[in-house]
């Protein structure tokens, strides 16, 4: 018998079984939304709803673009103003492009 064993085998097996078969709880993960929730929206009551604060930032992005700012310049401006992204990261031109494309599609229909 192993004198270093401190957990009885039955208890150890139950712990292992529980840790490997029980589904792990998912914290703050929407039940039916696949992928990242888009900037400007929150997932509430199983549907996407506009986030008013993020919608204001989208309006600023659209305004800057209409003033002739490039995607990179818009990203730099948002970073300079310490405006956070959805995941509290830094703004990238590609993120700005996606937001503008989504807004264009929303207007089109």
N, C-alpha and C. Protein backbone atom coordinates (compact mmCIF):
# COMPACT_ATOMS: atom_id res chain seq x y z
N UNK A 1 0.85 -1.19 0.00
CA UNK A 1 0.00 0.00 0.00
C UNK A 1 0.89 1.25 0.00
N UNK A 2 0.46 2.25 -0.73
CA UNK A 2 1.21 3.49 -0.85
C UNK A 2 0.93 4.36 0.38
N UNK A 3 1.98 4.61 1.18
CA UNK A 3 1.78 5.39 2.39
C UNK A 3 1.65 6.89 2.12
N UNK A 4 1.94 7.33 0.89
CA UNK A 4 1.86 8.74 0.55
C UNK A 4 0.47 9.15 0.05
N UNK A 5 -0.38 8.18 -0.19
CA UNK A 5 -1.72 8.48 -0.70
C UNK A 5 -2.54 9.11 0.40
N UNK A 6 -3.08 10.33 0.14
CA UNK A 6 -3.87 11.02 1.15
C UNK A 6 -5.36 11.04 0.83
N UNK A 7 -5.72 10.85 -0.42
CA UNK A 7 -7.13 10.81 -0.81
C UNK A 7 -7.50 9.36 -1.13
N UNK A 8 -8.55 8.85 -0.47
CA UNK A 8 -8.97 7.49 -0.79
C UNK A 8 -9.29 7.36 -2.28
N UNK A 9 -9.00 6.21 -2.84
CA UNK A 9 -9.18 5.98 -4.27
C UNK A 9 -10.61 6.25 -4.71
N UNK A 10 -11.62 5.83 -3.93
CA UNK A 10 -13.01 6.05 -4.30
C UNK A 10 -13.32 7.55 -4.44
N UNK A 11 -12.83 8.34 -3.49
CA UNK A 11 -13.06 9.78 -3.52
C UNK A 11 -12.32 10.39 -4.71
N UNK A 12 -11.07 9.96 -4.92
CA UNK A 12 -10.28 10.48 -6.04
C UNK A 12 -10.96 10.17 -7.37
N UNK A 13 -11.45 8.96 -7.53
CA UNK A 13 -12.14 8.58 -8.76
C UNK A 13 -13.41 9.41 -8.96
N UNK A 14 -14.12 9.69 -7.88
CA UNK A 14 -15.33 10.50 -7.99
C UNK A 14 -14.98 11.92 -8.43
N UNK A 15 -13.90 12.46 -7.89
CA UNK A 15 -13.45 13.80 -8.27
C UNK A 15 -13.07 13.83 -9.74
N UNK A 16 -12.30 12.84 -10.18
CA UNK A 16 -11.87 12.77 -11.58
C UNK A 16 -13.08 12.63 -12.49
N UNK A 17 -14.00 11.73 -12.14
CA UNK A 17 -15.19 11.51 -12.95
C UNK A 17 -16.01 12.79 -13.04
N UNK A 18 -16.19 13.48 -11.93
CA UNK A 18 -16.96 14.71 -11.91
C UNK A 18 -16.28 15.79 -12.75
N UNK A 19 -14.98 15.89 -12.67
CA UNK A 19 -14.25 16.92 -13.41
C UNK A 19 -14.18 16.64 -14.91
N UNK A 20 -14.36 15.40 -15.30
CA UNK A 20 -14.24 15.08 -16.73
C UNK A 20 -15.58 14.92 -17.42
N UNK A 21 -16.64 14.65 -16.67
CA UNK A 21 -17.92 14.44 -17.33
C UNK A 21 -18.91 15.57 -17.12
N UNK A 22 -18.74 16.33 -16.06
CA UNK A 22 -19.67 17.43 -15.81
C UNK A 22 -19.35 18.57 -16.75
N UNK A 23 -20.37 19.17 -17.34
CA UNK A 23 -20.10 20.31 -18.22
C UNK A 23 -19.55 21.47 -17.41
N UNK A 24 -18.56 22.13 -17.96
CA UNK A 24 -17.98 23.26 -17.25
C UNK A 24 -18.91 24.46 -17.41
N UNK A 25 -19.10 25.20 -16.32
CA UNK A 25 -19.98 26.36 -16.42
C UNK A 25 -19.36 27.43 -17.30
N UNK A 26 -20.17 28.07 -18.11
CA UNK A 26 -19.68 29.14 -18.99
C UNK A 26 -20.16 30.46 -18.42
N UNK A 27 -19.22 31.30 -18.10
CA UNK A 27 -19.54 32.56 -17.48
C UNK A 27 -19.75 33.62 -18.55
N UNK A 28 -20.87 34.33 -18.48
CA UNK A 28 -21.19 35.43 -19.39
C UNK A 28 -21.15 35.03 -20.86
N UNK A 29 -21.47 33.79 -21.17
CA UNK A 29 -21.48 33.35 -22.55
C UNK A 29 -22.94 33.23 -23.00
N UNK A 30 -23.33 33.97 -24.03
CA UNK A 30 -24.70 33.86 -24.51
C UNK A 30 -25.03 32.44 -24.94
N UNK A 31 -26.27 32.03 -24.71
CA UNK A 31 -26.65 30.66 -25.01
C UNK A 31 -26.78 30.37 -26.50
N UNK A 32 -27.23 31.34 -27.28
CA UNK A 32 -27.49 31.02 -28.68
C UNK A 32 -26.80 31.97 -29.67
N UNK A 33 -25.86 32.77 -29.23
CA UNK A 33 -25.16 33.65 -30.15
C UNK A 33 -23.79 33.08 -30.46
N UNK A 34 -23.52 32.87 -31.73
CA UNK A 34 -22.23 32.31 -32.16
C UNK A 34 -21.29 33.45 -32.52
N UNK A 35 -20.07 33.35 -32.10
CA UNK A 35 -19.07 34.36 -32.45
C UNK A 35 -19.07 35.53 -31.48
N UNK A 36 -18.29 36.52 -31.84
CA UNK A 36 -18.15 37.71 -31.00
C UNK A 36 -19.34 38.64 -31.21
N UNK A 37 -19.84 39.18 -30.13
CA UNK A 37 -20.94 40.14 -30.22
C UNK A 37 -20.39 41.41 -30.86
N UNK A 38 -21.03 41.91 -31.91
CA UNK A 38 -20.50 43.06 -32.63
C UNK A 38 -20.48 44.33 -31.78
N UNK A 39 -19.49 45.18 -32.07
CA UNK A 39 -19.42 46.46 -31.40
C UNK A 39 -20.68 47.25 -31.73
N UNK A 40 -21.25 47.87 -30.70
CA UNK A 40 -22.48 48.62 -30.89
C UNK A 40 -23.71 47.87 -30.40
N UNK A 41 -23.50 46.62 -30.00
CA UNK A 41 -24.61 45.77 -29.58
C UNK A 41 -24.26 45.00 -28.32
N UNK A 42 -25.29 44.59 -27.60
CA UNK A 42 -25.17 43.67 -26.47
C UNK A 42 -26.14 42.53 -26.72
N UNK A 43 -25.85 41.38 -26.13
CA UNK A 43 -26.73 40.22 -26.26
C UNK A 43 -27.55 40.14 -24.97
N UNK A 44 -28.82 40.53 -25.07
CA UNK A 44 -29.71 40.58 -23.90
C UNK A 44 -30.98 39.83 -24.23
N UNK A 45 -31.40 38.98 -23.31
CA UNK A 45 -32.63 38.19 -23.48
C UNK A 45 -32.62 37.44 -24.81
N UNK A 46 -31.49 36.82 -25.13
CA UNK A 46 -31.32 36.00 -26.33
C UNK A 46 -31.49 36.76 -27.64
N UNK A 47 -31.20 38.06 -27.64
CA UNK A 47 -31.21 38.81 -28.89
C UNK A 47 -30.22 39.97 -28.83
N UNK A 48 -29.77 40.39 -30.00
CA UNK A 48 -28.87 41.54 -30.08
C UNK A 48 -29.68 42.82 -29.91
N UNK A 49 -29.20 43.67 -28.99
CA UNK A 49 -29.85 44.97 -28.77
C UNK A 49 -28.77 46.03 -28.83
N UNK A 50 -29.13 47.18 -29.37
CA UNK A 50 -28.16 48.26 -29.50
C UNK A 50 -27.67 48.72 -28.13
N UNK A 51 -26.37 48.96 -28.04
CA UNK A 51 -25.74 49.52 -26.86
C UNK A 51 -25.61 51.03 -27.11
N UNK A 52 -26.35 51.87 -26.36
CA UNK A 52 -26.37 53.31 -26.65
C UNK A 52 -24.98 53.97 -26.63
N UNK A 53 -24.13 53.60 -25.67
CA UNK A 53 -22.80 54.21 -25.59
C UNK A 53 -21.95 53.82 -26.80
N UNK A 54 -22.00 52.57 -27.18
CA UNK A 54 -21.23 52.12 -28.34
C UNK A 54 -21.80 52.68 -29.64
N UNK A 55 -23.11 52.89 -29.69
CA UNK A 55 -23.72 53.49 -30.88
C UNK A 55 -23.22 54.93 -31.06
N UNK A 56 -22.98 55.64 -29.95
CA UNK A 56 -22.42 56.99 -30.04
C UNK A 56 -21.03 56.95 -30.66
N UNK A 57 -20.24 55.96 -30.30
CA UNK A 57 -18.90 55.81 -30.86
C UNK A 57 -18.99 55.47 -32.35
N UNK A 58 -19.95 54.64 -32.72
CA UNK A 58 -20.16 54.33 -34.14
C UNK A 58 -20.50 55.60 -34.91
N UNK A 59 -21.35 56.44 -34.31
CA UNK A 59 -21.70 57.71 -34.96
C UNK A 59 -20.46 58.59 -35.13
N UNK A 60 -19.57 58.58 -34.14
CA UNK A 60 -18.31 59.33 -34.25
C UNK A 60 -17.45 58.77 -35.38
N UNK A 61 -17.39 57.45 -35.49
CA UNK A 61 -16.63 56.80 -36.56
C UNK A 61 -17.16 57.22 -37.93
N UNK A 62 -18.47 57.21 -38.07
CA UNK A 62 -19.10 57.61 -39.33
C UNK A 62 -18.80 59.08 -39.63
N UNK A 63 -18.89 59.92 -38.60
CA UNK A 63 -18.60 61.35 -38.77
C UNK A 63 -17.15 61.57 -39.21
N UNK A 64 -16.21 60.89 -38.56
CA UNK A 64 -14.80 61.05 -38.92
C UNK A 64 -14.55 60.56 -40.35
N UNK A 65 -15.18 59.46 -40.73
CA UNK A 65 -15.01 58.94 -42.10
C UNK A 65 -15.56 59.94 -43.11
N UNK A 66 -16.69 60.56 -42.79
CA UNK A 66 -17.29 61.53 -43.72
C UNK A 66 -16.44 62.81 -43.83
N UNK A 67 -15.58 63.04 -42.84
CA UNK A 67 -14.68 64.19 -42.87
C UNK A 67 -13.37 63.86 -43.59
N UNK A 68 -13.28 62.64 -44.11
CA UNK A 68 -12.12 62.27 -44.90
C UNK A 68 -11.02 61.53 -44.15
N UNK A 69 -11.26 61.17 -42.90
CA UNK A 69 -10.28 60.40 -42.14
C UNK A 69 -10.13 59.02 -42.75
N UNK A 70 -8.92 58.50 -42.78
CA UNK A 70 -8.70 57.12 -43.23
C UNK A 70 -9.08 56.18 -42.09
N UNK A 71 -9.19 54.90 -42.39
CA UNK A 71 -9.50 53.92 -41.35
C UNK A 71 -8.45 53.94 -40.25
N UNK A 72 -7.20 54.03 -40.63
CA UNK A 72 -6.10 54.07 -39.65
C UNK A 72 -6.16 55.35 -38.81
N UNK A 73 -6.48 56.47 -39.45
CA UNK A 73 -6.60 57.73 -38.71
C UNK A 73 -7.75 57.69 -37.70
N UNK A 74 -8.85 57.06 -38.09
CA UNK A 74 -9.98 56.91 -37.17
C UNK A 74 -9.56 56.05 -35.98
N UNK A 75 -8.91 54.94 -36.25
CA UNK A 75 -8.45 54.06 -35.17
C UNK A 75 -7.50 54.82 -34.24
N UNK A 76 -6.57 55.57 -34.81
CA UNK A 76 -5.64 56.35 -34.00
C UNK A 76 -6.36 57.38 -33.14
N UNK A 77 -7.38 58.01 -33.71
CA UNK A 77 -8.15 59.02 -32.98
C UNK A 77 -8.88 58.39 -31.79
N UNK A 78 -9.50 57.25 -32.00
CA UNK A 78 -10.20 56.56 -30.92
C UNK A 78 -9.22 56.12 -29.83
N UNK A 79 -8.06 55.62 -30.25
CA UNK A 79 -7.05 55.21 -29.28
C UNK A 79 -6.52 56.41 -28.49
N UNK A 80 -6.33 57.53 -29.18
CA UNK A 80 -5.83 58.75 -28.54
C UNK A 80 -6.83 59.24 -27.48
N UNK A 81 -8.13 59.06 -27.77
CA UNK A 81 -9.17 59.48 -26.82
C UNK A 81 -9.45 58.42 -25.76
N UNK A 82 -8.69 57.31 -25.79
CA UNK A 82 -8.82 56.20 -24.83
C UNK A 82 -10.23 55.59 -24.84
N UNK A 83 -10.83 55.55 -26.02
CA UNK A 83 -12.13 54.92 -26.17
C UNK A 83 -11.90 53.42 -26.31
N UNK A 84 -12.47 52.61 -25.42
CA UNK A 84 -12.19 51.17 -25.47
C UNK A 84 -12.95 50.45 -26.58
N UNK A 85 -12.36 49.37 -27.05
CA UNK A 85 -13.06 48.48 -27.98
C UNK A 85 -13.99 47.60 -27.16
N UNK A 86 -14.71 46.72 -27.82
CA UNK A 86 -15.63 45.81 -27.13
C UNK A 86 -14.88 44.97 -26.09
N UNK A 87 -13.65 44.58 -26.41
CA UNK A 87 -12.87 43.73 -25.51
C UNK A 87 -11.76 44.50 -24.79
N UNK A 88 -11.92 45.81 -24.69
CA UNK A 88 -10.95 46.67 -24.02
C UNK A 88 -9.56 46.60 -24.64
N UNK A 89 -9.52 46.41 -25.94
CA UNK A 89 -8.25 46.40 -26.66
C UNK A 89 -8.01 47.74 -27.33
N UNK A 90 -7.09 47.74 -28.29
CA UNK A 90 -6.84 48.96 -29.04
C UNK A 90 -7.53 48.85 -30.40
N UNK A 91 -7.88 49.99 -30.94
CA UNK A 91 -8.57 50.04 -32.22
C UNK A 91 -7.60 49.76 -33.36
N UNK A 92 -8.08 49.02 -34.34
CA UNK A 92 -7.34 48.71 -35.54
C UNK A 92 -8.16 49.17 -36.74
N UNK A 93 -7.49 49.48 -37.83
CA UNK A 93 -8.18 49.92 -39.04
C UNK A 93 -9.19 48.87 -39.51
N UNK A 94 -8.84 47.60 -39.39
CA UNK A 94 -9.73 46.52 -39.84
C UNK A 94 -11.03 46.50 -39.02
N UNK A 95 -10.93 46.81 -37.73
CA UNK A 95 -12.12 46.87 -36.89
C UNK A 95 -13.04 48.00 -37.35
N UNK A 96 -12.44 49.13 -37.66
CA UNK A 96 -13.21 50.28 -38.15
C UNK A 96 -13.89 49.91 -39.47
N UNK A 97 -13.16 49.23 -40.35
CA UNK A 97 -13.71 48.81 -41.64
C UNK A 97 -14.94 47.93 -41.44
N UNK A 98 -14.84 46.96 -40.51
CA UNK A 98 -15.96 46.05 -40.25
C UNK A 98 -17.17 46.79 -39.71
N UNK A 99 -16.93 47.73 -38.81
CA UNK A 99 -18.03 48.51 -38.24
C UNK A 99 -18.72 49.32 -39.32
N UNK A 100 -17.95 49.98 -40.17
CA UNK A 100 -18.54 50.79 -41.25
C UNK A 100 -19.29 49.91 -42.25
N UNK A 101 -18.75 48.73 -42.55
CA UNK A 101 -19.43 47.81 -43.46
C UNK A 101 -20.76 47.34 -42.87
N UNK A 102 -20.75 47.02 -41.58
CA UNK A 102 -21.98 46.57 -40.92
C UNK A 102 -23.02 47.68 -40.92
N UNK A 103 -22.59 48.92 -40.69
CA UNK A 103 -23.52 50.05 -40.71
C UNK A 103 -24.09 50.27 -42.11
N UNK A 104 -23.25 50.13 -43.11
CA UNK A 104 -23.69 50.27 -44.50
C UNK A 104 -24.73 49.21 -44.83
N UNK A 105 -24.51 47.97 -44.39
CA UNK A 105 -25.47 46.88 -44.63
C UNK A 105 -26.76 47.12 -43.89
N UNK A 106 -26.66 47.69 -42.68
CA UNK A 106 -27.85 47.97 -41.88
C UNK A 106 -28.74 49.00 -42.58
N UNK A 107 -28.10 50.01 -43.17
CA UNK A 107 -28.85 51.05 -43.88
C UNK A 107 -29.47 50.50 -45.16
N UNK A 108 -28.71 49.64 -45.85
CA UNK A 108 -29.20 49.07 -47.10
C UNK A 108 -30.37 48.12 -46.91
N UNK A 109 -30.43 47.57 -45.72
CA UNK A 109 -31.58 46.79 -45.61
C UNK A 109 -31.75 45.58 -44.89
